C-alpha atoms as a PDB file:
ATOM      1  CA  MET A   1      54.377  99.547 337.486  1.00  0.00           C
ATOM      2  CA  ASP A   2      53.786 102.519 335.798  1.00  0.00           C
ATOM      3  CA  ARG A   3      50.993 102.386 332.730  1.00  0.00           C
ATOM      4  CA  TRP A   4      54.170 101.789 330.084  1.00  0.00           C
ATOM      5  CA  ASP A   5      54.942  99.050 332.851  1.00  0.00           C
ATOM      6  CA  ARG A   6      51.024  97.461 332.602  1.00  0.00           C
ATOM      7  CA  MET A   7      50.772  97.930 329.232  1.00  0.00           C
ATOM      8  CA  GLY A   8      53.518  96.069 328.512  1.00  0.00           C
ATOM      9  CA  ARG A   9      52.243  93.449 330.329  1.00  0.00           C
ATOM     10  CA  LEU A  10      49.494  93.030 328.641  1.00  0.00           C
ATOM     11  CA  ALA A  11      50.560  92.745 325.127  1.00  0.00           C
ATOM     12  CA  ALA A  12      53.188  89.775 326.050  1.00  0.00           C
ATOM     13  CA  TYR A  13      49.531  87.938 326.881  1.00  0.00           C
ATOM     14  CA  GLY A  14      47.973  89.538 324.218  1.00  0.00           C
ATOM     15  CA  GLY A  15      50.691  87.640 322.125  1.00  0.00           C
ATOM     16  CA  ALA A  16      50.282  84.339 323.906  1.00  0.00           C
ATOM     17  CA  ALA A  17      46.676  84.795 323.495  1.00  0.00           C
ATOM     18  CA  ALA A  18      47.108  84.948 320.272  1.00  0.00           C
ATOM     19  CA  MET A  19      49.453  82.262 319.311  1.00  0.00           C
ATOM     20  CA  ALA A  20      46.841  79.357 321.422  1.00  0.00           C
ATOM     21  CA  PRO A  21      44.763  79.092 317.692  1.00  0.00           C
ATOM     22  CA  TYR A  22      48.095  78.402 315.238  1.00  0.00           C
ATOM     23  CA  ALA A  23      48.802  76.346 318.039  1.00  0.00           C
ATOM     24  CA  VAL A  24      46.016  73.817 318.143  1.00  0.00           C
ATOM     25  CA  ILE A  25      45.577  74.505 314.086  1.00  0.00           C
ATOM     26  CA  LYS A  26      48.848  72.747 313.730  1.00  0.00           C
ATOM     27  CA  VAL A  27      48.308  70.328 316.034  1.00  0.00           C
ATOM     28  CA  SER A  28      44.944  69.094 314.290  1.00  0.00           C
ATOM     29  CA  TRP A  29      46.525  68.779 310.625  1.00  0.00           C
ATOM     30  CA  VAL A  30      49.701  67.386 312.211  1.00  0.00           C
ATOM     31  CA  VAL A  31      47.147  64.856 313.722  1.00  0.00           C
ATOM     32  CA  GLY A  32      45.196  64.609 311.311  1.00  0.00           C
ATOM     33  CA  SER A  33      46.985  64.595 308.396  1.00  0.00           C
ATOM     34  CA  LEU A  34      48.708  61.024 309.711  1.00  0.00           C
ATOM     35  CA  LEU A  35      45.048  59.965 310.799  1.00  0.00           C
ATOM     36  CA  GLY A  36      44.324  60.540 307.980  1.00  0.00           C
ATOM     37  CA  LEU A  37      41.465  62.454 308.286  1.00  0.00           C
ATOM     38  CA  ALA A  38      42.816  65.750 306.848  1.00  0.00           C
ATOM     39  CA  PRO A  39      44.413  66.343 303.754  1.00  0.00           C
ATOM     40  CA  VAL A  40      48.308  66.051 303.061  1.00  0.00           C
ATOM     41  CA  GLY A  41      49.837  70.252 302.270  1.00  0.00           C
ATOM     42  CA  ALA A  42      50.558  70.138 297.964  1.00  0.00           C
ATOM     43  CA  GLY A  43      53.503  70.149 297.423  1.00  0.00           C
ATOM     44  CA  PHE A  44      54.061  67.878 299.566  1.00  0.00           C
ATOM     45  CA  GLY A  45      54.487  64.466 300.797  1.00  0.00           C
ATOM     46  CA  LEU A  46      53.205  62.961 304.213  1.00  0.00           C
ATOM     47  CA  ALA A  47      57.075  63.076 305.949  1.00  0.00           C
ATOM     48  CA  GLU A  48      57.784  66.141 304.654  1.00  0.00           C
ATOM     49  CA  TRP A  49      54.475  67.738 305.728  1.00  0.00           C
ATOM     50  CA  VAL A  50      54.020  65.830 309.111  1.00  0.00           C
ATOM     51  CA  VAL A  51      58.115  67.396 309.668  1.00  0.00           C
ATOM     52  CA  LEU A  52      57.425  71.120 308.658  1.00  0.00           C
ATOM     53  CA  ASN A  53      53.940  71.255 310.634  1.00  0.00           C
ATOM     54  CA  THR A  54      55.624  69.676 314.163  1.00  0.00           C
ATOM     55  CA  VAL A  55      58.243  72.441 313.675  1.00  0.00           C
ATOM     56  CA  THR A  56      55.930  74.937 313.378  1.00  0.00           C
ATOM     57  CA  VAL A  57      54.193  74.118 316.165  1.00  0.00           C
ATOM     58  CA  GLY A  58      57.022  74.117 318.661  1.00  0.00           C
ATOM     59  CA  MET A  59      57.195  78.059 317.429  1.00  0.00           C
ATOM     60  CA  ALA A  60      54.134  78.757 318.392  1.00  0.00           C
ATOM     61  CA  VAL A  61      54.420  76.616 321.796  1.00  0.00           C
ATOM     62  CA  ILE A  62      58.170  79.163 322.053  1.00  0.00           C
ATOM     63  CA  GLY A  63      56.447  82.581 321.385  1.00  0.00           C
ATOM     64  CA  ILE A  64      53.622  81.661 323.461  1.00  0.00           C
ATOM     65  CA  ALA A  65      55.826  80.720 326.494  1.00  0.00           C
ATOM     66  CA  LEU A  66      58.307  84.002 325.352  1.00  0.00           C
ATOM     67  CA  GLY A  67      55.154  85.928 325.726  1.00  0.00           C
ATOM     68  CA  LEU A  68      54.378  84.564 329.782  1.00  0.00           C
ATOM     69  CA  ALA A  69      57.245  84.922 329.565  1.00  0.00           C
ATOM     70  CA  LEU A  70      58.268  88.782 329.077  1.00  0.00           C
ATOM     71  CA  ALA A  71      54.747  89.395 331.194  1.00  0.00           C
ATOM     72  CA  ARG A  72      55.608  87.313 334.649  1.00  0.00           C
ATOM     73  CA  PRO A  73      57.585  87.452 337.397  1.00  0.00           C
ATOM     74  CA  TRP A  74      59.068  84.204 336.818  1.00  0.00           C
ATOM     75  CA  GLY A  75      60.445  85.502 333.509  1.00  0.00           C
ATOM     76  CA  MET A  76      62.722  88.094 335.637  1.00  0.00           C
ATOM     77  CA  ARG A  77      64.536  84.856 337.117  1.00  0.00           C
ATOM     78  CA  LEU A  78      64.875  83.541 333.190  1.00  0.00           C
ATOM     79  CA  PRO A  79      68.745  83.835 332.133  1.00  0.00           C
ATOM     80  CA  GLY A  80      69.170  87.012 330.907  1.00  0.00           C
ATOM     81  CA  VAL A  81      70.827  86.905 326.909  1.00  0.00           C
ATOM     82  CA  PRO A  82      69.311  83.403 325.275  1.00  0.00           C
ATOM     83  CA  LEU A  83      65.274  85.046 326.121  1.00  0.00           C
ATOM     84  CA  VAL A  84      65.939  88.846 325.167  1.00  0.00           C
ATOM     85  CA  PHE A  85      67.960  86.558 323.226  1.00  0.00           C
ATOM     86  CA  CYS A  86      64.929  84.695 321.842  1.00  0.00           C
ATOM     87  CA  ALA A  87      62.647  87.334 321.987  1.00  0.00           C
ATOM     88  CA  TRP A  88      65.111  90.622 320.215  1.00  0.00           C
ATOM     89  CA  VAL A  89      64.805  87.885 316.559  1.00  0.00           C
ATOM     90  CA  GLY A  90      60.634  86.636 317.576  1.00  0.00           C
ATOM     91  CA  ALA A  91      60.673  90.614 317.287  1.00  0.00           C
ATOM     92  CA  GLY A  92      62.872  91.910 314.495  1.00  0.00           C
ATOM     93  CA  PHE A  93      60.869  88.778 311.646  1.00  0.00           C
ATOM     94  CA  LEU A  94      57.137  90.360 312.960  1.00  0.00           C
ATOM     95  CA  VAL A  95      57.777  94.046 312.847  1.00  0.00           C
ATOM     96  CA  SER A  96      58.483  93.936 309.687  1.00  0.00           C
ATOM     97  CA  MET A  97      56.397  90.717 308.313  1.00  0.00           C
ATOM     98  CA  LEU A  98      53.592  92.290 309.754  1.00  0.00           C
ATOM     99  CA  PRO A  99      53.805  95.520 307.292  1.00  0.00           C
ATOM    100  CA  TYR A 100      53.983  93.307 304.548  1.00  0.00           C
ATOM    101  CA  ALA A 101      51.527  91.204 305.144  1.00  0.00           C
ATOM    102  CA  VAL A 102      48.540  94.002 305.157  1.00  0.00           C
ATOM    103  CA  ALA A 103      49.810  95.838 302.987  1.00  0.00           C
ATOM    104  CA  ASP A 104      50.648  92.460 300.371  1.00  0.00           C
ATOM    105  CA  SER A 105      47.319  91.715 300.552  1.00  0.00           C
ATOM    106  CA  LEU A 106      46.668  94.966 299.771  1.00  0.00           C
ATOM    107  CA  VAL A 107      48.879  95.123 296.050  1.00  0.00           C
ATOM    108  CA  SER A 108      48.641  91.038 295.436  1.00  0.00           C
ATOM    109  CA  GLU A 109      46.075  89.892 292.941  1.00  0.00           C
ATOM    110  CA  PRO A 110      42.710  87.275 294.263  1.00  0.00           C
ATOM    111  CA  ASP A 111      43.808  84.011 293.182  1.00  0.00           C
ATOM    112  CA  THR A 112      40.657  83.377 290.244  1.00  0.00           C
ATOM    113  CA  SER A 113      41.773  80.459 289.793  1.00  0.00           C
ATOM    114  CA  GLY A 114      39.756  77.829 292.873  1.00  0.00           C
ATOM    115  CA  SER A 115      43.382  76.685 293.756  1.00  0.00           C
ATOM    116  CA  GLY A 116      43.316  78.869 296.915  1.00  0.00           C
ATOM    117  CA  SER A 117      47.168  78.221 299.143  1.00  0.00           C
ATOM    118  CA  ASP A 118      50.035  77.150 297.735  1.00  0.00           C
ATOM    119  CA  SER A 119      50.087  75.011 300.959  1.00  0.00           C
ATOM    120  CA  ASP A 120      46.856  73.600 302.029  1.00  0.00           C
ATOM    121  CA  PRO A 121      44.649  73.783 299.120  1.00  0.00           C
ATOM    122  CA  GLN A 122      41.732  72.422 301.259  1.00  0.00           C
ATOM    123  CA  MET A 123      42.710  75.791 304.356  1.00  0.00           C
ATOM    124  CA  PRO A 124      38.570  77.251 305.316  1.00  0.00           C
ATOM    125  CA  GLY A 125      38.863  80.937 305.778  1.00  0.00           C
ATOM    126  CA  TRP A 126      38.533  80.930 309.201  1.00  0.00           C
ATOM    127  CA  GLU A 127      41.744  78.671 309.552  1.00  0.00           C
ATOM    128  CA  ALA A 128      43.761  80.862 307.274  1.00  0.00           C
ATOM    129  CA  ALA A 129      41.293  83.395 309.956  1.00  0.00           C
ATOM    130  CA  LEU A 130      43.097  82.854 313.030  1.00  0.00           C
ATOM    131  CA  ILE A 131      46.642  81.932 311.883  1.00  0.00           C
ATOM    132  CA  GLN A 132      46.383  85.359 310.147  1.00  0.00           C
ATOM    133  CA  PHE A 133      45.394  86.245 313.371  1.00  0.00           C
ATOM    134  CA  GLY A 134      48.136  84.071 315.154  1.00  0.00           C
ATOM    135  CA  PHE A 135      50.924  87.058 314.295  1.00  0.00           C
ATOM    136  CA  ILE A 136      49.447  89.766 313.845  1.00  0.00           C
ATOM    137  CA  GLY A 137      49.124  89.593 317.967  1.00  0.00           C
ATOM    138  CA  MET A 138      52.164  88.122 318.324  1.00  0.00           C
ATOM    139  CA  GLY A 139      54.011  90.715 316.252  1.00  0.00           C
ATOM    140  CA  LEU A 140      52.117  93.378 317.620  1.00  0.00           C
ATOM    141  CA  GLY A 141      52.812  91.931 321.266  1.00  0.00           C
ATOM    142  CA  LEU A 142      56.821  91.533 320.974  1.00  0.00           C
ATOM    143  CA  THR A 143      56.864  94.883 320.132  1.00  0.00           C
ATOM    144  CA  LEU A 144      55.179  96.726 322.786  1.00  0.00           C
ATOM    145  CA  ALA A 145      56.576  93.597 325.721  1.00  0.00           C
ATOM    146  CA  LEU A 146      60.553  93.337 324.403  1.00  0.00           C
ATOM    147  CA  PRO A 147      60.854  96.750 324.921  1.00  0.00           C
ATOM    148  CA  ALA A 148      58.756  97.045 328.215  1.00  0.00           C
ATOM    149  CA  TYR A 149      60.109  94.212 329.461  1.00  0.00           C
ATOM    150  CA  LEU A 150      64.270  95.216 329.016  1.00  0.00           C
ATOM    151  CA  ARG A 151      63.647  98.941 330.467  1.00  0.00           C
ATOM    152  CA  ARG A 152      61.873  96.590 333.612  1.00  0.00           C
ATOM    153  CA  ARG A 153      65.038  94.494 334.121  1.00  0.00           C
ATOM    154  CA  TRP A 154      67.747  96.791 333.067  1.00  0.00           C
ATOM    155  CA  PRO A 155      66.403 100.290 333.537  1.00  0.00           C
ATOM    156  CA  GLU A 156      69.431 101.741 332.836  1.00  0.00           C
ATOM    157  CA  ALA A 157      69.362 101.566 329.535  1.00  0.00           C
ATOM    158  CA  PHE A 158      66.409 103.519 329.465  1.00  0.00           C
ATOM    159  CA  THR A 159      67.175 106.021 331.445  1.00  0.00           C
ATOM    160  CA  GLY A 160      69.957 108.867 331.470  1.00  0.00           C
ATOM    161  CA  ARG A 161      71.653 110.270 329.066  1.00  0.00           C
ATOM    162  CA  THR A 162      74.716 109.015 326.222  1.00  0.00           C
ATOM    163  CA  ASP A 163      77.633 110.521 324.216  1.00  0.00           C
ATOM    164  CA  GLY A 164      77.234 108.318 321.341  1.00  0.00           C
ATOM    165  CA  PRO A 165      77.714 104.629 319.753  1.00  0.00           C
ATOM    166  CA  ALA A 166      81.990 104.175 319.970  1.00  0.00           C
ATOM    167  CA  PRO A 167      83.659 103.774 317.400  1.00  0.00           C
ATOM    168  CA  LEU A 168      81.631  99.540 316.458  1.00  0.00           C
ATOM    169  CA  GLY A 169      78.641 101.473 316.584  1.00  0.00           C
ATOM    170  CA  ARG A 170      79.291 104.052 314.686  1.00  0.00           C
ATOM    171  CA  ALA A 171      80.777 101.331 311.748  1.00  0.00           C
ATOM    172  CA  ALA A 172      77.361  99.604 312.287  1.00  0.00           C
ATOM    173  CA  VAL A 173      75.089 103.005 311.038  1.00  0.00           C
ATOM    174  CA  ALA A 174      77.320 103.007 308.652  1.00  0.00           C
ATOM    175  CA  LEU A 175      76.729  99.580 307.323  1.00  0.00           C
ATOM    176  CA  GLY A 176      73.213  99.124 307.950  1.00  0.00           C
ATOM    177  CA  ALA A 177      72.427 102.530 306.637  1.00  0.00           C
ATOM    178  CA  ALA A 178      74.582 101.314 303.304  1.00  0.00           C
ATOM    179  CA  VAL A 179      72.476  98.458 303.284  1.00  0.00           C
ATOM    180  CA  GLY A 180      68.851  99.653 303.562  1.00  0.00           C
ATOM    181  CA  LEU A 181      69.381 102.641 301.428  1.00  0.00           C
ATOM    182  CA  MET A 182      70.134  99.895 298.526  1.00  0.00           C
ATOM    183  CA  TRP A 183      67.110  97.808 299.196  1.00  0.00           C
ATOM    184  CA  LEU A 184      64.895 101.516 299.298  1.00  0.00           C
ATOM    185  CA  TYR A 185      67.414 102.130 295.801  1.00  0.00           C
ATOM    186  CA  TRP A 186      65.808  98.520 294.511  1.00  0.00           C
ATOM    187  CA  ALA A 187      62.304  99.383 296.778  1.00  0.00           C
ATOM    188  CA  ALA A 188      61.998 103.159 294.527  1.00  0.00           C
ATOM    189  CA  GLY A 189      62.049 100.662 291.182  1.00  0.00           C
ATOM    190  CA  GLY A 190      66.060 100.368 290.259  1.00  0.00           C
ATOM    191  CA  THR A 191      67.606  98.494 288.674  1.00  0.00           C
ATOM    192  CA  ALA A 192      71.294  98.377 289.637  1.00  0.00           C
ATOM    193  CA  GLY A 193      72.792  95.202 290.916  1.00  0.00           C
ATOM    194  CA  LEU A 194      69.902  93.301 289.139  1.00  0.00           C
ATOM    195  CA  ALA A 195      70.960  90.300 287.689  1.00  0.00           C
ATOM    196  CA  HIS A 196      66.898  89.748 286.949  1.00  0.00           C
ATOM    197  CA  PRO A 197      65.308  92.618 287.097  1.00  0.00           C
ATOM    198  CA  ASP A 198      61.667  91.095 285.466  1.00  0.00           C
ATOM    199  CA  GLU A 199      62.179  88.579 288.704  1.00  0.00           C
ATOM    200  CA  GLY A 200      61.348  92.067 290.918  1.00  0.00           C
ATOM    201  CA  ARG A 201      58.063  92.117 291.634  1.00  0.00           C
ATOM    202  CA  THR A 202      55.712  94.470 293.315  1.00  0.00           C
ATOM    203  CA  THR A 203      55.732  91.491 296.564  1.00  0.00           C
ATOM    204  CA  TRP A 204      59.730  92.023 296.697  1.00  0.00           C
ATOM    205  CA  ARG A 205      60.300  95.731 295.918  1.00  0.00           C
ATOM    206  CA  LEU A 206      57.634  96.106 298.964  1.00  0.00           C
ATOM    207  CA  LEU A 207      59.380  93.535 301.475  1.00  0.00           C
ATOM    208  CA  CYS A 208      62.950  95.505 300.597  1.00  0.00           C
ATOM    209  CA  GLY A 209      61.028  99.024 301.295  1.00  0.00           C
ATOM    210  CA  ILE A 210      59.952  97.447 304.952  1.00  0.00           C
ATOM    211  CA  CYS A 211      63.313  96.232 305.351  1.00  0.00           C
ATOM    212  CA  GLY A 212      65.126  99.097 304.926  1.00  0.00           C
ATOM    213  CA  THR A 213      62.845 101.788 306.396  1.00  0.00           C
ATOM    214  CA  TRP A 214      63.662  99.258 309.880  1.00  0.00           C
ATOM    215  CA  ALA A 215      67.416  99.595 309.044  1.00  0.00           C
ATOM    216  CA  LEU A 216      67.400 103.347 308.191  1.00  0.00           C
ATOM    217  CA  VAL A 217      65.450 103.532 312.039  1.00  0.00           C
ATOM    218  CA  ALA A 218      68.120 101.221 313.085  1.00  0.00           C
ATOM    219  CA  ALA A 219      70.754 103.374 312.006  1.00  0.00           C
ATOM    220  CA  PHE A 220      68.901 106.344 313.545  1.00  0.00           C
ATOM    221  CA  ALA A 221      68.313 105.231 316.944  1.00  0.00           C
ATOM    222  CA  VAL A 222      71.961 104.215 317.394  1.00  0.00           C
ATOM    223  CA  ALA A 223      72.924 107.308 315.884  1.00  0.00           C
ATOM    224  CA  ARG A 224      70.654 109.840 317.393  1.00  0.00           C
ATOM    225  CA  PRO A 225      70.249 107.885 321.171  1.00  0.00           C
ATOM    226  CA  GLY A 226      67.879 110.183 323.317  1.00  0.00           C
ATOM    227  CA  ARG A 227      68.885 113.134 325.487  1.00  0.00           C
ATOM    228  CA  GLU A 228      67.833 114.953 328.837  1.00  0.00           C
ATOM    229  CA  GLY A 229      66.137 118.966 327.535  1.00  0.00           C
ATOM    230  CA  PRO A 230      63.252 119.986 325.925  1.00  0.00           C
ATOM    231  CA  GLY A 231      63.585 119.428 322.144  1.00  0.00           C
ATOM    232  CA  ARG A 232      65.222 116.092 322.559  1.00  0.00           C
ATOM    233  CA  LEU A 233      63.655 113.030 322.187  1.00  0.00           C
ATOM    234  CA  PRO A 234      63.221 111.287 325.250  1.00  0.00           C
ATOM    235  CA  ARG A 235      65.880 108.202 326.365  1.00  0.00           C
ATOM    236  CA  TRP A 236      63.627 104.979 325.454  1.00  0.00           C
ATOM    237  CA  LEU A 237      62.533 106.355 321.984  1.00  0.00           C
ATOM    238  CA  PRO A 238      65.841 105.463 320.479  1.00  0.00           C
ATOM    239  CA  SER A 239      66.092 102.441 322.425  1.00  0.00           C
ATOM    240  CA  VAL A 240      62.981 100.704 321.471  1.00  0.00           C
ATOM    241  CA  LEU A 241      63.526 101.548 317.866  1.00  0.00           C
ATOM    242  CA  GLY A 242      66.817 101.064 317.976  1.00  0.00           C
ATOM    243  CA  TRP A 243      65.870  96.842 319.548  1.00  0.00           C
ATOM    244  CA  LEU A 244      63.540  96.668 316.374  1.00  0.00           C
ATOM    245  CA  GLY A 245      64.820  97.828 313.838  1.00  0.00           C
ATOM    246  CA  SER A 246      68.197  95.917 314.784  1.00  0.00           C
ATOM    247  CA  GLY A 247      66.307  92.300 315.251  1.00  0.00           C
ATOM    248  CA  SER A 248      64.640  93.601 311.414  1.00  0.00           C
ATOM    249  CA  LEU A 249      68.173  93.050 310.515  1.00  0.00           C
ATOM    250  CA  PHE A 250      69.998  90.400 311.742  1.00  0.00           C
ATOM    251  CA  ALA A 251      66.763  88.044 311.955  1.00  0.00           C
ATOM    252  CA  TRP A 252      65.664  88.748 308.175  1.00  0.00           C
ATOM    253  CA  SER A 253      68.942  89.028 306.731  1.00  0.00           C
ATOM    254  CA  GLY A 254      69.691  85.540 308.729  1.00  0.00           C
ATOM    255  CA  TRP A 255      67.263  83.720 307.097  1.00  0.00           C
ATOM    256  CA  LYS A 256      67.136  84.700 303.851  1.00  0.00           C
ATOM    257  CA  LEU A 257      70.668  84.419 303.898  1.00  0.00           C
ATOM    258  CA  PRO A 258      71.099  80.634 303.373  1.00  0.00           C
ATOM    259  CA  PHE A 259      68.741  80.025 301.113  1.00  0.00           C
ATOM    260  CA  THR A 260      70.982  83.017 298.857  1.00  0.00           C
ATOM    261  CA  LEU A 261      73.780  80.488 299.780  1.00  0.00           C
ATOM    262  CA  TYR A 262      71.612  77.599 298.543  1.00  0.00           C
ATOM    263  CA  VAL A 263      70.961  79.056 294.755  1.00  0.00           C
ATOM    264  CA  ALA A 264      73.834  79.941 293.887  1.00  0.00           C
ATOM    265  CA  ILE A 265      76.233  76.784 294.533  1.00  0.00           C
ATOM    266  CA  ALA A 266      72.496  74.614 293.828  1.00  0.00           C
ATOM    267  CA  SER A 267      71.731  75.967 291.102  1.00  0.00           C
ATOM    268  CA  PRO A 268      67.805  75.340 291.489  1.00  0.00           C
ATOM    269  CA  SER A 269      66.452  75.789 287.976  1.00  0.00           C
ATOM    270  CA  ASP A 270      63.159  76.824 289.438  1.00  0.00           C
ATOM    271  CA  VAL A 271      64.338  79.321 292.238  1.00  0.00           C
ATOM    272  CA  VAL A 272      65.764  82.966 290.465  1.00  0.00           C
ATOM    273  CA  LEU A 273      66.630  85.522 292.445  1.00  0.00           C
ATOM    274  CA  PRO A 274      66.195  89.580 290.950  1.00  0.00           C
ATOM    275  CA  GLU A 275      69.147  89.947 292.768  1.00  0.00           C
ATOM    276  CA  ARG A 276      72.875  89.405 291.442  1.00  0.00           C
ATOM    277  CA  LEU A 277      73.569  86.390 293.738  1.00  0.00           C
ATOM    278  CA  GLY A 278      77.606  88.109 295.311  1.00  0.00           C
ATOM    279  CA  LEU A 279      75.417  91.577 295.584  1.00  0.00           C
ATOM    280  CA  ALA A 280      73.440  90.268 297.302  1.00  0.00           C
ATOM    281  CA  ILE A 281      74.545  87.486 299.864  1.00  0.00           C
ATOM    282  CA  THR A 282      77.418  90.439 300.924  1.00  0.00           C
ATOM    283  CA  LEU A 283      74.243  92.648 301.762  1.00  0.00           C
ATOM    284  CA  HIS A 284      73.041  90.101 303.838  1.00  0.00           C
ATOM    285  CA  LEU A 285      76.589  89.456 305.501  1.00  0.00           C
ATOM    286  CA  CYS A 286      76.505  93.091 305.642  1.00  0.00           C
ATOM    287  CA  ALA A 287      73.441  93.242 307.332  1.00  0.00           C
ATOM    288  CA  VAL A 288      73.514  90.245 309.861  1.00  0.00           C
ATOM    289  CA  ALA A 289      76.542  91.695 310.753  1.00  0.00           C
ATOM    290  CA  ALA A 290      75.958  95.125 311.571  1.00  0.00           C
ATOM    291  CA  GLY A 291      72.506  93.976 313.333  1.00  0.00           C
ATOM    292  CA  ALA A 292      74.044  92.673 316.145  1.00  0.00           C
ATOM    293  CA  ALA A 293      76.673  95.697 315.996  1.00  0.00           C
ATOM    294  CA  MET A 294      73.922  98.097 316.866  1.00  0.00           C
ATOM    295  CA  MET A 295      72.825  95.540 319.597  1.00  0.00           C
ATOM    296  CA  TRP A 296      75.809  95.275 320.735  1.00  0.00           C
ATOM    297  CA  THR A 297      75.808  99.069 321.727  1.00  0.00           C
ATOM    298  CA  LEU A 298      72.502  98.978 322.665  1.00  0.00           C
ATOM    299  CA  THR A 299      72.788  96.565 325.602  1.00  0.00           C
ATOM    300  CA  ARG A 300      76.129  98.616 325.885  1.00  0.00           C
ATOM    301  CA  ALA A 301      74.380 102.091 326.808  1.00  0.00           C
ATOM    302  CA  PRO A 302      74.983 101.807 330.467  1.00  0.00           C
ATOM    303  CA  SER A 303      77.479 101.523 330.859  1.00  0.00           C
ATOM    304  CA  ARG A 304      77.744 104.809 328.600  1.00  0.00           C
ATOM    305  CA  THR A 305      75.394 106.387 330.601  1.00  0.00           C
ATOM    306  CA  THR A 306      76.590 109.762 331.962  1.00  0.00           C
ATOM    307  CA  PRO A 307      75.323 111.694 335.294  1.00  0.00           C
ATOM    308  CA  ASP A 308      73.579 114.191 335.083  1.00  0.00           C
ATOM    309  CA  VAL A 309      74.622 117.741 335.937  1.00  0.00           C
ATOM    310  CA  ALA A 310      71.920 118.586 337.969  1.00  0.00           C
ATOM    311  CA  THR A 311      73.473 115.836 340.092  1.00  0.00           C
ATOM    312  CA  ALA A 312      76.707 115.360 339.182  1.00  0.00           C
ATOM    313  CA  PRO A 313      78.451 115.511 342.811  1.00  0.00           C
ATOM    314  CA  PRO A 314      80.806 118.359 343.631  1.00  0.00           C
ATOM    315  CA  ALA A 315      84.765 118.605 342.376  1.00  0.00           C
END
């Protein structure tokens, strides 16, 4: 076990441990609300509150099991596709959410109304801190543990040289870069393509900037595979960045696309999005397609690995 593998296993254990308090807190909310010992979140009925938090308990349990699977030997025997897909999507969510949560806490004005959290106005500060710690810990854990697991299970994807992406990969790179540049344009204050520019608050532009940055990182990583030789990127670095960036593209737009479609179809009076809905739907569709195609390109990388000249058989 080398240093990278050891670090990945420790990160997986740490992520699972960090998520455990979150699961316990959510279980206490469900049980407490059913027994009348804990308040129901503002704006929710009892049934809605129980269902919502039961779902998040299930997600937390899946996250804990995923962290353990990335560290324990039995994780190597699990079907690779569903395991890697869940870890890829989870890491994609969290690598975008973590910098957003940190930056949002710095730019957002404190709530002086005394109303507290919108979802649970009576949440103690220590509970909020543990919940935040759970997300941060799981995000950092998956960010380090997933590449280590992939390297351990499919080492050929992180070694050797590649000849660059196939046509599908090149199309994904162009599509992902275009989406990322549009998001970064909005993050920088651009208003073209916005139906309601005044709704583009600081937090929305912040999220656009983070997602746009990850889109460009993914495009660069897939377009410039690592090669051996002085001054060249090591093979593992673009693989890691490509997995995380493509996961961010796929996960975040995969989550925002149904919501945007709902707003476009139902036209709720209390929801107004900054973007033109048609453009937003198109961008999210392109991001999902680009992320999936980048993942496919990265998983197909071993088939394009070429032998080193020094080790090639003589003609």
